[in-house]
C-alpha atoms as a PDB file:
ATOM      1  CA  MET A   1    -161.851-250.668 153.606  1.00  0.00           C
ATOM      2  CA  THR A   2    -161.059-253.324 151.011  1.00  0.00           C
ATOM      3  CA  SER A   3    -157.742-252.233 148.853  1.00  0.00           C
ATOM      4  CA  PRO A   4    -158.404-252.064 144.967  1.00  0.00           C
ATOM      5  CA  LEU A   5    -154.639-253.852 144.370  1.00  0.00           C
ATOM      6  CA  LEU A   6    -156.434-257.475 145.507  1.00  0.00           C
ATOM      7  CA  HIS A   7    -157.432-257.177 141.328  1.00  0.00           C
ATOM      8  CA  LEU A   8    -153.320-257.856 140.647  1.00  0.00           C
ATOM      9  CA  PRO A   9    -152.362-260.954 138.924  1.00  0.00           C
ATOM     10  CA  GLY A  10    -152.165-263.504 141.459  1.00  0.00           C
ATOM     11  CA  ALA A  11    -153.411-261.449 144.535  1.00  0.00           C
ATOM     12  CA  VAL A  12    -155.275-263.956 147.404  1.00  0.00           C
ATOM     13  CA  ALA A  13    -157.168-262.198 149.717  1.00  0.00           C
ATOM     14  CA  GLY A  14    -155.947-262.351 153.321  1.00  0.00           C
ATOM     15  CA  ASP A  15    -158.202-263.145 156.135  1.00  0.00           C
ATOM     16  CA  GLY A  16    -159.130-261.884 159.752  1.00  0.00           C
ATOM     17  CA  ILE A  17    -158.031-258.480 160.358  1.00  0.00           C
ATOM     18  CA  ASP A  18    -156.066-258.305 157.069  1.00  0.00           C
ATOM     19  CA  ALA A  19    -158.859-259.701 154.953  1.00  0.00           C
ATOM     20  CA  PRO A  20    -158.909-256.168 152.957  1.00  0.00           C
ATOM     21  CA  VAL A  21    -155.606-256.996 151.538  1.00  0.00           C
ATOM     22  CA  ALA A  22    -153.712-259.601 149.605  1.00  0.00           C
ATOM     23  CA  ALA A  23    -152.731-262.577 151.476  1.00  0.00           C
ATOM     24  CA  HIS A  24    -149.828-262.913 148.759  1.00  0.00           C
ATOM     25  CA  TYR A  25    -149.687-262.778 144.868  1.00  0.00           C
ATOM     26  CA  GLY A  26    -148.296-266.775 144.338  1.00  0.00           C
ATOM     27  CA  SER A  27    -145.579-267.129 146.372  1.00  0.00           C
ATOM     28  CA  PHE A  28    -145.262-265.616 149.839  1.00  0.00           C
ATOM     29  CA  ASN A  29    -141.842-267.383 150.314  1.00  0.00           C
ATOM     30  CA  GLY A  30    -140.622-265.605 147.463  1.00  0.00           C
ATOM     31  CA  GLU A  31    -142.158-262.180 147.936  1.00  0.00           C
ATOM     32  CA  GLN A  32    -140.366-262.297 151.469  1.00  0.00           C
ATOM     33  CA  ARG A  33    -137.080-263.229 149.645  1.00  0.00           C
ATOM     34  CA  VAL A  34    -137.769-260.007 147.701  1.00  0.00           C
ATOM     35  CA  LEU A  35    -138.677-257.966 150.125  1.00  0.00           C
ATOM     36  CA  GLU A  36    -135.112-258.864 151.866  1.00  0.00           C
ATOM     37  CA  SER A  37    -133.202-258.277 148.829  1.00  0.00           C
ATOM     38  CA  GLY A  38    -134.557-254.546 149.219  1.00  0.00           C
ATOM     39  CA  GLU A  39    -137.355-254.649 146.210  1.00  0.00           C
ATOM     40  CA  GLY A  40    -140.952-254.562 146.433  1.00  0.00           C
ATOM     41  CA  PHE A  41    -143.673-253.199 148.918  1.00  0.00           C
ATOM     42  CA  VAL A  42    -146.367-253.933 151.010  1.00  0.00           C
ATOM     43  CA  ASP A  43    -149.887-252.958 150.548  1.00  0.00           C
ATOM     44  CA  LEU A  44    -151.406-252.170 153.927  1.00  0.00           C
ATOM     45  CA  SER A  45    -154.208-249.952 153.100  1.00  0.00           C
ATOM     46  CA  HIS A  46    -156.273-251.469 155.661  1.00  0.00           C
ATOM     47  CA  ARG A  47    -154.480-249.788 158.304  1.00  0.00           C
ATOM     48  CA  ASP A  48    -156.259-246.837 159.866  1.00  0.00           C
ATOM     49  CA  VAL A  49    -154.974-243.229 159.144  1.00  0.00           C
ATOM     50  CA  ILE A  50    -155.346-239.991 162.058  1.00  0.00           C
ATOM     51  CA  ARG A  51    -154.277-236.670 161.429  1.00  0.00           C
ATOM     52  CA  VAL A  52    -153.694-234.034 163.956  1.00  0.00           C
ATOM     53  CA  GLU A  53    -153.528-230.672 163.000  1.00  0.00           C
ATOM     54  CA  GLY A  54    -153.082-226.936 165.166  1.00  0.00           C
ATOM     55  CA  PRO A  55    -150.398-225.019 166.915  1.00  0.00           C
ATOM     56  CA  ASP A  56    -150.659-226.907 170.118  1.00  0.00           C
ATOM     57  CA  ARG A  57    -150.718-230.277 168.267  1.00  0.00           C
ATOM     58  CA  LEU A  58    -146.955-231.515 169.808  1.00  0.00           C
ATOM     59  CA  THR A  59    -147.089-229.874 172.958  1.00  0.00           C
ATOM     60  CA  TRP A  60    -150.532-231.678 173.191  1.00  0.00           C
ATOM     61  CA  LEU A  61    -149.253-235.088 171.806  1.00  0.00           C
ATOM     62  CA  HIS A  62    -146.487-234.875 174.216  1.00  0.00           C
ATOM     63  CA  SER A  63    -148.571-234.628 177.164  1.00  0.00           C
ATOM     64  CA  LEU A  64    -150.922-237.349 176.719  1.00  0.00           C
ATOM     65  CA  THR A  65    -148.282-240.472 174.928  1.00  0.00           C
ATOM     66  CA  THR A  66    -145.426-242.015 175.946  1.00  0.00           C
ATOM     67  CA  GLN A  67    -143.019-239.953 173.353  1.00  0.00           C
ATOM     68  CA  PHE A  68    -141.400-237.264 173.135  1.00  0.00           C
ATOM     69  CA  PHE A  69    -143.206-234.958 171.088  1.00  0.00           C
ATOM     70  CA  GLU A  70    -141.683-231.371 171.798  1.00  0.00           C
ATOM     71  CA  GLY A  71    -139.789-229.953 169.224  1.00  0.00           C
ATOM     72  CA  LEU A  72    -140.189-233.175 166.644  1.00  0.00           C
ATOM     73  CA  ALA A  73    -138.762-232.312 163.157  1.00  0.00           C
ATOM     74  CA  PRO A  74    -141.056-232.569 159.869  1.00  0.00           C
ATOM     75  CA  SER A  75    -140.631-236.228 158.560  1.00  0.00           C
ATOM     76  CA  VAL A  76    -138.885-237.525 161.905  1.00  0.00           C
ATOM     77  CA  TRP A  77    -141.026-240.782 162.264  1.00  0.00           C
ATOM     78  CA  THR A  78    -142.085-241.685 165.590  1.00  0.00           C
ATOM     79  CA  GLU A  79    -143.678-244.148 167.608  1.00  0.00           C
ATOM     80  CA  ALA A  80    -145.956-243.657 170.288  1.00  0.00           C
ATOM     81  CA  LEU A  81    -148.286-245.582 173.135  1.00  0.00           C
ATOM     82  CA  VAL A  82    -151.623-244.493 174.812  1.00  0.00           C
ATOM     83  CA  LEU A  83    -151.513-245.723 178.152  1.00  0.00           C
ATOM     84  CA  SER A  84    -154.039-246.522 181.133  1.00  0.00           C
ATOM     85  CA  PRO A  85    -153.628-244.936 184.599  1.00  0.00           C
ATOM     86  CA  GLN A  86    -152.234-248.723 185.100  1.00  0.00           C
ATOM     87  CA  GLY A  87    -149.785-248.504 182.413  1.00  0.00           C
ATOM     88  CA  HIS A  88    -151.363-250.936 180.271  1.00  0.00           C
ATOM     89  CA  VAL A  89    -151.597-250.018 176.873  1.00  0.00           C
ATOM     90  CA  GLU A  90    -154.660-249.033 174.745  1.00  0.00           C
ATOM     91  CA  HIS A  91    -153.133-247.705 171.666  1.00  0.00           C
ATOM     92  CA  ALA A  92    -150.387-247.802 169.287  1.00  0.00           C
ATOM     93  CA  PHE A  93    -149.720-245.753 166.731  1.00  0.00           C
ATOM     94  CA  ALA A  94    -146.869-244.368 164.387  1.00  0.00           C
ATOM     95  CA  GLY A  95    -146.441-241.419 162.095  1.00  0.00           C
ATOM     96  CA  ALA A  96    -144.739-238.298 161.209  1.00  0.00           C
ATOM     97  CA  ASP A  97    -145.110-234.238 161.522  1.00  0.00           C
ATOM     98  CA  ASP A  98    -145.297-232.105 157.968  1.00  0.00           C
ATOM     99  CA  GLY A  99    -144.638-228.996 159.683  1.00  0.00           C
ATOM    100  CA  THR A 100    -148.739-228.537 159.704  1.00  0.00           C
ATOM    101  CA  ALA A 101    -149.806-231.740 160.778  1.00  0.00           C
ATOM    102  CA  PHE A 102    -149.028-235.331 162.392  1.00  0.00           C
ATOM    103  CA  VAL A 103    -150.279-238.262 160.352  1.00  0.00           C
ATOM    104  CA  ALA A 104    -149.754-241.581 161.874  1.00  0.00           C
ATOM    105  CA  HIS A 105    -151.339-245.273 160.959  1.00  0.00           C
ATOM    106  CA  THR A 106    -152.653-247.900 163.707  1.00  0.00           C
ATOM    107  CA  GLU A 107    -154.501-250.796 163.280  1.00  0.00           C
ATOM    108  CA  PRO A 108    -157.627-251.282 161.176  1.00  0.00           C
ATOM    109  CA  GLY A 109    -160.369-250.550 162.932  1.00  0.00           C
ATOM    110  CA  ALA A 110    -158.517-248.837 165.896  1.00  0.00           C
ATOM    111  CA  GLY A 111    -158.085-245.647 164.657  1.00  0.00           C
ATOM    112  CA  GLN A 112    -161.497-244.043 165.739  1.00  0.00           C
ATOM    113  CA  PRO A 113    -161.440-245.208 169.157  1.00  0.00           C
ATOM    114  CA  LEU A 114    -157.837-243.364 169.236  1.00  0.00           C
ATOM    115  CA  ILE A 115    -159.353-240.265 168.144  1.00  0.00           C
ATOM    116  CA  ASP A 116    -162.202-240.465 170.950  1.00  0.00           C
ATOM    117  CA  PHE A 117    -159.874-240.636 173.534  1.00  0.00           C
ATOM    118  CA  LEU A 118    -157.998-237.927 172.131  1.00  0.00           C
ATOM    119  CA  ASP A 119    -160.895-235.451 171.587  1.00  0.00           C
ATOM    120  CA  ARG A 120    -161.739-236.200 175.005  1.00  0.00           C
ATOM    121  CA  MET A 121    -158.452-234.899 176.089  1.00  0.00           C
ATOM    122  CA  ARG A 122    -158.791-231.905 174.038  1.00  0.00           C
ATOM    123  CA  PHE A 123    -159.554-229.198 176.530  1.00  0.00           C
ATOM    124  CA  MET A 124    -158.890-225.685 175.485  1.00  0.00           C
ATOM    125  CA  MET A 125    -155.827-227.043 173.088  1.00  0.00           C
ATOM    126  CA  ARG A 126    -155.821-225.541 169.210  1.00  0.00           C
ATOM    127  CA  VAL A 127    -155.709-229.143 168.133  1.00  0.00           C
ATOM    128  CA  GLU A 128    -158.032-230.928 165.768  1.00  0.00           C
ATOM    129  CA  VAL A 129    -158.236-234.498 164.968  1.00  0.00           C
ATOM    130  CA  GLY A 130    -159.881-236.355 162.255  1.00  0.00           C
ATOM    131  CA  LEU A 131    -159.830-239.752 160.647  1.00  0.00           C
ATOM    132  CA  GLN A 132    -158.230-239.892 157.321  1.00  0.00           C
ATOM    133  CA  THR A 133    -158.539-243.576 156.150  1.00  0.00           C
ATOM    134  CA  PRO A 134    -160.791-242.935 153.386  1.00  0.00           C
ATOM    135  CA  ASP A 135    -158.354-240.407 151.755  1.00  0.00           C
ATOM    136  CA  LEU A 136    -155.062-241.947 153.025  1.00  0.00           C
ATOM    137  CA  ALA A 137    -153.711-245.718 152.265  1.00  0.00           C
ATOM    138  CA  VAL A 138    -150.842-246.931 154.149  1.00  0.00           C
ATOM    139  CA  ALA A 139    -147.876-249.204 152.165  1.00  0.00           C
ATOM    140  CA  TRP A 140    -144.447-250.406 153.429  1.00  0.00           C
ATOM    141  CA  ARG A 141    -141.532-250.763 151.620  1.00  0.00           C
ATOM    142  CA  PRO A 142    -138.429-252.509 152.930  1.00  0.00           C
ATOM    143  CA  SER A 143    -134.727-251.153 153.799  1.00  0.00           C
ATOM    144  CA  SER A 144    -132.612-251.030 150.877  1.00  0.00           C
ATOM    145  CA  GLY A 145    -128.894-249.634 150.638  1.00  0.00           C
ATOM    146  CA  GLU A 146    -129.076-246.836 153.443  1.00  0.00           C
ATOM    147  CA  ARG A 147    -132.528-245.996 152.377  1.00  0.00           C
ATOM    148  CA  ALA A 148    -134.046-247.348 156.169  1.00  0.00           C
ATOM    149  CA  ALA A 149    -137.507-249.233 155.672  1.00  0.00           C
ATOM    150  CA  THR A 150    -140.274-246.923 155.772  1.00  0.00           C
ATOM    151  CA  TYR A 151    -144.029-246.566 155.362  1.00  0.00           C
ATOM    152  CA  ASP A 152    -145.483-243.986 153.165  1.00  0.00           C
ATOM    153  CA  PHE A 153    -149.024-242.447 153.354  1.00  0.00           C
ATOM    154  CA  VAL A 154    -150.518-242.673 149.671  1.00  0.00           C
ATOM    155  CA  PRO A 155    -153.728-241.172 148.516  1.00  0.00           C
ATOM    156  CA  ARG A 156    -156.194-243.799 147.930  1.00  0.00           C
ATOM    157  CA  SER A 157    -156.618-242.053 144.230  1.00  0.00           C
ATOM    158  CA  ARG A 158    -152.722-242.811 143.296  1.00  0.00           C
ATOM    159  CA  LEU A 159    -152.608-246.445 145.232  1.00  0.00           C
ATOM    160  CA  GLU A 160    -152.376-248.278 142.029  1.00  0.00           C
ATOM    161  CA  ALA A 161    -150.059-245.509 140.411  1.00  0.00           C
ATOM    162  CA  TYR A 162    -147.819-246.283 143.482  1.00  0.00           C
ATOM    163  CA  ALA A 163    -147.866-249.542 143.464  1.00  0.00           C
ATOM    164  CA  GLU A 164    -147.206-249.764 139.361  1.00  0.00           C
ATOM    165  CA  ALA A 165    -143.784-247.794 140.203  1.00  0.00           C
ATOM    166  CA  ALA A 166    -142.668-249.278 143.515  1.00  0.00           C
ATOM    167  CA  GLY A 167    -143.467-252.892 142.764  1.00  0.00           C
ATOM    168  CA  PRO A 168    -143.112-255.695 143.096  1.00  0.00           C
ATOM    169  CA  ALA A 169    -145.864-256.182 145.395  1.00  0.00           C
ATOM    170  CA  ALA A 170    -145.657-258.506 148.408  1.00  0.00           C
ATOM    171  CA  GLY A 171    -148.868-259.474 150.392  1.00  0.00           C
ATOM    172  CA  SER A 172    -149.694-259.491 153.851  1.00  0.00           C
ATOM    173  CA  TRP A 173    -148.148-263.024 154.965  1.00  0.00           C
ATOM    174  CA  ALA A 174    -144.816-262.202 153.759  1.00  0.00           C
ATOM    175  CA  PHE A 175    -144.885-259.070 155.494  1.00  0.00           C
ATOM    176  CA  GLU A 176    -146.049-260.610 158.939  1.00  0.00           C
ATOM    177  CA  ALA A 177    -143.670-263.360 158.612  1.00  0.00           C
ATOM    178  CA  LEU A 178    -140.620-260.481 158.587  1.00  0.00           C
ATOM    179  CA  ARG A 179    -142.122-258.876 161.286  1.00  0.00           C
ATOM    180  CA  ILE A 180    -142.586-261.392 163.159  1.00  0.00           C
ATOM    181  CA  ALA A 181    -139.024-262.591 162.672  1.00  0.00           C
ATOM    182  CA  ARG A 182    -137.893-258.799 163.864  1.00  0.00           C
ATOM    183  CA  GLY A 183    -139.915-259.431 166.986  1.00  0.00           C
ATOM    184  CA  GLU A 184    -142.375-256.554 166.871  1.00  0.00           C
ATOM    185  CA  PRO A 185    -145.389-256.884 168.511  1.00  0.00           C
ATOM    186  CA  ARG A 186    -148.989-256.148 166.892  1.00  0.00           C
ATOM    187  CA  LEU A 187    -151.060-254.320 169.397  1.00  0.00           C
ATOM    188  CA  GLY A 188    -154.323-256.000 169.948  1.00  0.00           C
ATOM    189  CA  LEU A 189    -152.890-259.700 168.131  1.00  0.00           C
ATOM    190  CA  ASP A 190    -149.797-260.558 170.050  1.00  0.00           C
ATOM    191  CA  THR A 191    -150.740-258.750 173.212  1.00  0.00           C
ATOM    192  CA  ASP A 192    -153.843-258.451 175.521  1.00  0.00           C
ATOM    193  CA  HIS A 193    -155.537-255.840 178.034  1.00  0.00           C
ATOM    194  CA  ARG A 194    -152.680-256.440 180.839  1.00  0.00           C
ATOM    195  CA  SER A 195    -150.183-255.505 178.564  1.00  0.00           C
ATOM    196  CA  ILE A 196    -147.315-253.191 179.434  1.00  0.00           C
ATOM    197  CA  PRO A 197    -144.886-251.430 177.129  1.00  0.00           C
ATOM    198  CA  ASN A 198    -141.449-253.231 179.173  1.00  0.00           C
ATOM    199  CA  GLU A 199    -142.954-256.806 178.174  1.00  0.00           C
ATOM    200  CA  LEU A 200    -143.068-255.915 174.422  1.00  0.00           C
ATOM    201  CA  GLY A 201    -139.859-254.353 173.809  1.00  0.00           C
ATOM    202  CA  TRP A 202    -141.305-250.849 173.144  1.00  0.00           C
ATOM    203  CA  ILE A 203    -139.281-249.135 175.978  1.00  0.00           C
ATOM    204  CA  GLY A 204    -137.129-246.783 173.277  1.00  0.00           C
ATOM    205  CA  PRO A 205    -138.995-247.168 170.290  1.00  0.00           C
ATOM    206  CA  ALA A 206    -142.004-245.829 171.608  1.00  0.00           C
ATOM    207  CA  VAL A 207    -141.603-245.120 175.139  1.00  0.00           C
ATOM    208  CA  HIS A 208    -139.089-242.077 176.043  1.00  0.00           C
ATOM    209  CA  LEU A 209    -137.751-242.501 179.533  1.00  0.00           C
ATOM    210  CA  ASP A 210    -136.792-238.408 179.626  1.00  0.00           C
ATOM    211  CA  LYS A 211    -139.950-236.772 179.504  1.00  0.00           C
ATOM    212  CA  GLY A 212    -142.745-235.092 181.642  1.00  0.00           C
ATOM    213  CA  CYS A 213    -145.454-236.987 183.051  1.00  0.00           C
ATOM    214  CA  TYR A 214    -148.210-239.103 181.451  1.00  0.00           C
ATOM    215  CA  ARG A 215    -150.715-241.541 182.024  1.00  0.00           C
ATOM    216  CA  GLY A 216    -149.121-244.735 182.953  1.00  0.00           C
ATOM    217  CA  GLN A 217    -145.755-243.346 183.573  1.00  0.00           C
ATOM    218  CA  GLU A 218    -145.640-244.797 187.039  1.00  0.00           C
ATOM    219  CA  THR A 219    -145.476-248.063 186.417  1.00  0.00           C
ATOM    220  CA  VAL A 220    -143.272-247.852 182.848  1.00  0.00           C
ATOM    221  CA  ALA A 221    -140.695-246.582 185.224  1.00  0.00           C
ATOM    222  CA  ARG A 222    -140.967-248.475 188.001  1.00  0.00           C
ATOM    223  CA  VAL A 223    -140.435-251.662 186.315  1.00  0.00           C
ATOM    224  CA  HIS A 224    -137.555-249.947 183.856  1.00  0.00           C
ATOM    225  CA  THR A 225    -136.010-249.036 187.205  1.00  0.00           C
ATOM    226  CA  LEU A 226    -136.464-252.248 189.058  1.00  0.00           C
ATOM    227  CA  GLY A 227    -136.209-254.618 186.118  1.00  0.00           C
ATOM    228  CA  ARG A 228    -138.322-257.763 185.889  1.00  0.00           C
ATOM    229  CA  PRO A 229    -140.963-257.306 183.845  1.00  0.00           C
ATOM    230  CA  PRO A 230    -144.009-259.921 185.228  1.00  0.00           C
ATOM    231  CA  ARG A 231    -144.115-261.220 181.354  1.00  0.00           C
ATOM    232  CA  ARG A 232    -141.777-260.877 178.183  1.00  0.00           C
ATOM    233  CA  LEU A 233    -142.374-261.324 174.443  1.00  0.00           C
ATOM    234  CA  THR A 234    -140.386-264.241 173.004  1.00  0.00           C
ATOM    235  CA  LEU A 235    -139.744-265.146 169.261  1.00  0.00           C
ATOM    236  CA  LEU A 236    -141.303-269.200 169.231  1.00  0.00           C
ATOM    237  CA  HIS A 237    -139.915-271.821 166.856  1.00  0.00           C
ATOM    238  CA  LEU A 238    -142.415-273.931 166.269  1.00  0.00           C
ATOM    239  CA  ASP A 239    -142.273-277.722 165.159  1.00  0.00           C
ATOM    240  CA  GLY A 240    -142.766-277.838 161.397  1.00  0.00           C
ATOM    241  CA  SER A 241    -144.379-281.699 161.245  1.00  0.00           C
ATOM    242  CA  GLU A 242    -147.013-280.318 161.081  1.00  0.00           C
ATOM    243  CA  ASN A 243    -148.597-278.347 158.481  1.00  0.00           C
ATOM    244  CA  ARG A 244    -150.421-276.143 160.482  1.00  0.00           C
ATOM    245  CA  LEU A 245    -149.996-272.295 162.661  1.00  0.00           C
ATOM    246  CA  PRO A 246    -151.312-272.543 165.946  1.00  0.00           C
ATOM    247  CA  VAL A 247    -154.491-270.792 167.255  1.00  0.00           C
ATOM    248  CA  ARG A 248    -153.821-267.071 168.209  1.00  0.00           C
ATOM    249  CA  GLY A 249    -154.736-266.787 171.952  1.00  0.00           C
ATOM    250  CA  SER A 250    -153.806-270.601 172.094  1.00  0.00           C
ATOM    251  CA  GLU A 251    -152.485-271.090 175.958  1.00  0.00           C
ATOM    252  CA  ILE A 252    -148.446-272.381 176.057  1.00  0.00           C
ATOM    253  CA  THR A 253    -147.501-274.800 178.532  1.00  0.00           C
ATOM    254  CA  MET A 254    -144.129-275.612 180.118  1.00  0.00           C
ATOM    255  CA  GLY A 255    -144.830-279.474 181.115  1.00  0.00           C
ATOM    256  CA  GLU A 256    -148.386-279.114 182.723  1.00  0.00           C
ATOM    257  CA  LYS A 257    -148.401-275.445 183.890  1.00  0.00           C
ATOM    258  CA  ALA A 258    -149.723-272.772 181.710  1.00  0.00           C
ATOM    259  CA  VAL A 259    -147.059-270.115 181.318  1.00  0.00           C
ATOM    260  CA  GLY A 260    -148.712-267.460 178.609  1.00  0.00           C
ATOM    261  CA  PHE A 261    -150.331-267.001 174.846  1.00  0.00           C
ATOM    262  CA  VAL A 262    -149.147-267.148 171.379  1.00  0.00           C
ATOM    263  CA  GLY A 263    -149.838-264.302 169.483  1.00  0.00           C
ATOM    264  CA  THR A 264    -149.323-264.101 165.810  1.00  0.00           C
ATOM    265  CA  SER A 265    -147.133-266.859 164.002  1.00  0.00           C
ATOM    266  CA  ALA A 266    -146.164-267.511 159.895  1.00  0.00           C
ATOM    267  CA  ARG A 267    -144.032-269.092 157.872  1.00  0.00           C
ATOM    268  CA  HIS A 268    -140.520-267.736 157.296  1.00  0.00           C
ATOM    269  CA  TYR A 269    -138.913-268.648 154.585  1.00  0.00           C
ATOM    270  CA  GLU A 270    -135.403-269.350 156.143  1.00  0.00           C
ATOM    271  CA  LEU A 271    -136.757-270.095 159.729  1.00  0.00           C
ATOM    272  CA  GLY A 272    -139.681-271.987 159.265  1.00  0.00           C
ATOM    273  CA  PRO A 273    -143.085-271.661 161.305  1.00  0.00           C
ATOM    274  CA  ILE A 274    -142.345-268.437 164.134  1.00  0.00           C
ATOM    275  CA  GLY A 275    -144.631-266.957 166.446  1.00  0.00           C
ATOM    276  CA  LEU A 276    -144.801-264.532 169.069  1.00  0.00           C
ATOM    277  CA  ALA A 277    -145.735-264.932 172.448  1.00  0.00           C
ATOM    278  CA  LEU A 278    -145.817-263.639 175.782  1.00  0.00           C
ATOM    279  CA  ILE A 279    -144.742-265.874 178.731  1.00  0.00           C
ATOM    280  CA  LYS A 280    -144.184-265.351 182.457  1.00  0.00           C
ATOM    281  CA  ARG A 281    -140.608-263.667 182.913  1.00  0.00           C
ATOM    282  CA  ASN A 282    -139.219-266.315 184.885  1.00  0.00           C
ATOM    283  CA  VAL A 283    -139.841-269.118 182.226  1.00  0.00           C
ATOM    284  CA  PRO A 284    -135.985-270.418 181.928  1.00  0.00           C
ATOM    285  CA  VAL A 285    -134.899-268.991 178.457  1.00  0.00           C
ATOM    286  CA  ASP A 286    -133.928-272.428 177.077  1.00  0.00           C
ATOM    287  CA  ALA A 287    -137.017-274.092 178.547  1.00  0.00           C
ATOM    288  CA  ALA A 288    -138.672-276.432 175.685  1.00  0.00           C
ATOM    289  CA  LEU A 289    -142.965-275.328 175.393  1.00  0.00           C
ATOM    290  CA  THR A 290    -146.007-276.614 174.124  1.00  0.00           C
ATOM    291  CA  VAL A 291    -148.537-273.997 172.086  1.00  0.00           C
ATOM    292  CA  ASP A 292    -151.482-275.944 170.355  1.00  0.00           C
ATOM    293  CA  GLY A 293    -150.113-279.288 170.577  1.00  0.00           C
ATOM    294  CA  MET A 294    -146.904-278.361 169.051  1.00  0.00           C
ATOM    295  CA  PRO A 295    -143.447-278.030 170.488  1.00  0.00           C
ATOM    296  CA  ALA A 296    -141.948-275.157 170.309  1.00  0.00           C
ATOM    297  CA  ALA A 297    -138.345-273.778 171.300  1.00  0.00           C
ATOM    298  CA  GLN A 298    -137.499-269.964 172.668  1.00  0.00           C
ATOM    299  CA  GLU A 299    -135.708-267.534 171.042  1.00  0.00           C
ATOM    300  CA  VAL A 300    -135.309-264.276 173.409  1.00  0.00           C
ATOM    301  CA  ILE A 301    -136.546-261.149 171.779  1.00  0.00           C
ATOM    302  CA  VAL A 302    -137.250-258.747 175.095  1.00  0.00           C
ATOM    303  CA  ASP A 303    -134.431-259.343 178.040  1.00  0.00           C
ATOM    304  CA  PRO A 304    -136.306-261.289 180.624  1.00  0.00           C
ATOM    305  CA  GLU A 305    -134.789-259.193 183.248  1.00  0.00           C
ATOM    306  CA  VAL A 306    -134.015-255.466 182.452  1.00  0.00           C
ATOM    307  CA  GLY A 307    -137.456-255.496 179.476  1.00  0.00           C
ATOM    308  CA  LEU A 308    -135.547-254.389 176.872  1.00  0.00           C
ATOM    309  CA  HIS A 309    -135.481-255.380 172.920  1.00  0.00           C
ATOM    310  CA  VAL A 310    -132.514-257.634 172.031  1.00  0.00           C
ATOM    311  CA  ARG A 311    -132.928-258.694 168.916  1.00  0.00           C
ATOM    312  CA  PRO A 312    -132.049-256.064 166.049  1.00  0.00           C
ATOM    313  CA  ARG A 313    -135.082-254.225 164.682  1.00  0.00           C
ATOM    314  CA  ARG A 314    -134.625-253.071 160.694  1.00  0.00           C
END
């Protein structure tokens, strides 16, 4: 769904999955600095929004996902995953309950498949699930002082008024650069069909280890208990001598050996060109790598032994 904010001064449309929103408004480096200072907002209105309502919604979500939903207090932000029976990540979403419904956002185009899965699992539970993307838009504001970074759900009819009050606007390129630097993966962009939560730093933020059974739990628990997930998310510091970023999905090599693939990448205003990659756990953390013909150094995001996120999340 194309954003109405693309008419703002200087707006340049994005590409790929983020094409419906602005990539930048004239200076993605300057926009990163504004966000880092705690000001501004990012238009993410292309993301899908779902709504789960009904008296059994929290118990139902608790039984189906990796997160502890029972007794969830209103307005508490929560991340959750849906796994395959083998523990591979199939869906990722995040949101909050308002006392009557749980509203969450997910990747563009992922809302209806998530709803289709949830509908198949309703059985006799008193719940209703619907796609709210036509009515609700997503926006992100950075942390500022004691205020944590937050995703806001904004009625689409009020998005322009929201932008006027929350500005200045920053584009998806600035948002992506800061997200990558924090080591936060996007499902489907930084992952593949074999990805498990332990490889991605999602143990803790999106996976609760002290709850009842859910689909895929055995894989998560086994890898967490024994350690050594098969792969690990890492931050790549890319060679900046070439004026390009690697093609997403490009093979990463150590010498002549293929050891993983690169996901999203961006130009960070301080770190330079960076990217997220999934590489084999046993690759030494100081090994020099090559991706899409460019040298790359590593910075640890997920501990290769225990599978936990070690980079500060803001």
